[in-house]
Each structure stands twice: as structure tokens, then as C-alpha cells.
Protein backbone atom coordinates (compact mmCIF):
# COMPACT_ATOMS: atom_id res chain seq x y z
CA MET A 1 -17.75 -48.86 37.16
CA ILE A 2 -14.25 -48.95 35.71
CA LYS A 3 -11.61 -46.87 37.46
CA GLN A 4 -10.29 -44.21 35.14
CA GLU A 5 -6.53 -44.38 34.64
CA TYR A 6 -6.09 -40.76 33.55
CA PRO A 7 -8.71 -38.45 35.08
CA GLN A 8 -7.79 -35.51 32.84
CA PHE A 9 -9.02 -37.48 29.81
CA THR A 10 -12.67 -37.80 30.73
CA ILE A 11 -15.26 -38.45 28.04
CA TYR A 12 -18.60 -36.86 28.86
CA ALA A 13 -21.81 -38.41 27.60
CA ASP A 14 -23.78 -35.17 27.29
CA LYS A 15 -22.93 -31.48 26.89
CA PRO A 16 -24.24 -30.19 30.26
CA ALA A 17 -21.87 -32.57 32.06
CA ILE A 18 -18.81 -30.79 30.61
CA PRO A 19 -17.39 -28.34 33.16
CA GLY A 20 -17.72 -24.66 32.17
CA TYR A 21 -14.02 -23.92 32.52
CA GLN A 22 -13.21 -26.63 29.95
CA ARG A 23 -15.66 -25.16 27.46
CA ALA A 24 -14.18 -21.69 28.07
CA TRP A 25 -10.68 -23.01 27.44
CA VAL A 26 -11.72 -24.65 24.18
CA TRP A 27 -13.45 -21.50 22.89
CA GLY A 28 -10.58 -19.31 24.08
CA LEU A 29 -7.97 -21.44 22.33
CA ALA A 30 -10.06 -21.52 19.15
CA ALA A 31 -10.40 -17.72 19.20
CA LEU A 32 -6.66 -17.33 19.85
CA ALA A 33 -5.81 -19.66 16.96
CA ILE A 34 -8.06 -17.70 14.60
CA LEU A 35 -6.56 -14.41 15.75
CA LEU A 36 -2.98 -15.62 15.33
CA SER A 37 -3.79 -17.08 11.89
CA GLY A 38 -5.26 -13.75 10.81
CA LEU A 39 -2.25 -11.83 12.09
CA ALA A 40 0.17 -14.18 10.34
CA ALA A 41 -1.75 -13.96 7.06
CA GLY A 42 -1.92 -10.17 7.29
CA TRP A 43 1.79 -9.96 8.03
CA LEU A 44 2.67 -12.26 5.12
CA PHE A 45 0.36 -10.64 2.57
CA GLY A 46 1.20 -7.13 3.79
CA GLY A 47 4.91 -7.83 3.37
CA VAL A 48 4.38 -9.08 -0.16
CA ARG A 49 2.38 -5.98 -1.09
CA VAL A 50 4.97 -3.59 0.39
CA LEU A 51 7.79 -5.45 -1.35
CA SER A 52 6.06 -5.32 -4.73
CA MET A 53 5.14 -1.65 -4.25
CA THR A 54 8.74 -0.80 -3.30
CA ARG A 55 10.13 -2.64 -6.31
CA ALA A 56 7.59 -1.04 -8.67
CA SER A 57 8.16 2.44 -7.28
CA SER A 58 11.94 2.15 -7.60
CA LEU A 59 11.62 1.02 -11.22
CA ASP A 60 9.00 3.62 -12.05
CA GLY A 61 10.82 6.28 -10.04
CA ALA A 62 13.73 6.46 -12.49
CA ALA A 63 11.36 6.72 -15.46
CA LEU A 64 9.25 9.34 -13.72
CA LEU A 65 12.33 11.35 -12.80
CA ALA A 66 13.57 11.31 -16.40
CA ARG A 67 10.12 12.36 -17.62
CA GLN A 68 9.94 15.17 -15.07
CA ASP A 69 13.40 16.41 -16.08
CA ALA A 70 12.30 16.51 -19.74
CA ILE A 71 9.15 18.46 -18.83
CA ASN A 72 11.18 20.85 -16.68
CA GLN A 73 13.58 21.47 -19.55
CA GLN A 74 10.68 22.22 -21.92
CA LEU A 75 9.24 24.66 -19.39
CA ARG A 76 12.62 26.39 -18.95
CA GLU A 77 12.92 26.80 -22.74
CA ARG A 78 9.39 28.19 -22.94
CA ILE A 79 10.04 30.62 -20.07
CA ALA A 80 13.28 31.77 -21.69
CA GLY A 81 11.44 32.33 -25.00
CA LEU A 82 8.69 34.32 -23.25
CA GLU A 83 11.26 36.47 -21.43
CA ARG A 84 13.05 37.19 -24.72
CA ALA A 85 9.72 38.07 -26.35
CA LEU A 86 8.74 40.39 -23.52
CA ASN A 87 12.16 42.07 -23.36
CA GLY A 88 12.14 42.97 -27.06
CA ASP A 89 9.44 43.98 -29.49
CA ALA A 90 6.34 41.92 -28.71
CA CYS A 91 5.07 42.17 -32.29
CA THR A 92 7.90 40.34 -34.06
CA PRO A 93 7.09 36.90 -35.48
CA THR A 94 9.49 35.23 -33.04
CA ALA A 95 7.83 36.96 -30.09
CA LEU A 96 4.35 36.09 -31.35
CA LYS A 97 5.42 32.47 -31.78
CA ALA A 98 6.65 32.34 -28.17
CA LEU A 99 3.50 33.86 -26.72
CA PRO A 100 0.66 31.41 -26.02
CA SER A 101 -2.17 31.68 -28.52
CA ASP A 102 -4.82 30.15 -26.25
CA GLY A 103 -4.62 33.01 -23.77
CA GLY A 104 -3.16 30.91 -20.95
């Protein structure tokens, strides 16, 4: 038999000859590599999604704010018209125009 120069590099002929601790190390390192790969992918893809959502919300935020201000102004004008209609004669054409015709 040939003397092995490096005993830590043993080649086993069959699977049962491999020590259990070596098999456990191999499976443990494989599981750790898969876990770390998943965490890195999640971190990278999660960062991209948050970045795109932040950019989209900041761009849409200005448009939404302008739209909301326009709607608020329309509501203020409608409320002011209803208050004028209710303070005066409710049967005038201006008052009837300000009051909702759909009952709500």
C-alpha cells in the first residue's frame, strides 16, 4: 500500500467508508451556501423594489397632491354655494342650481 502524503485528502472507494462528520460538514456547508444565496438575492431584489417604489411614489406624489388640491377647491366652492343657498331663499334659481339634484 502506498503511504498517503496528505491524510486529510483521502479518497474513499464507497459511501459507507466516508466518516459521518465529513458528510455532515458537506451537507451543512451546502445548506449554508443556499441560505446565504437566498438572503443575498432577497436583499438585492428587495432593495430594487423599494427603490423603484420610492421613486414612483415621489413622482406620483406631486401629481396626486395637485389632484387632491383641485378636488378640495371644488368641494370648497360647492360648500360655499350650498351655504349661500341655505342662507337665502332656497327657491331661487341660483339656490336650486347649487343644491344637489340626485338627493345626495
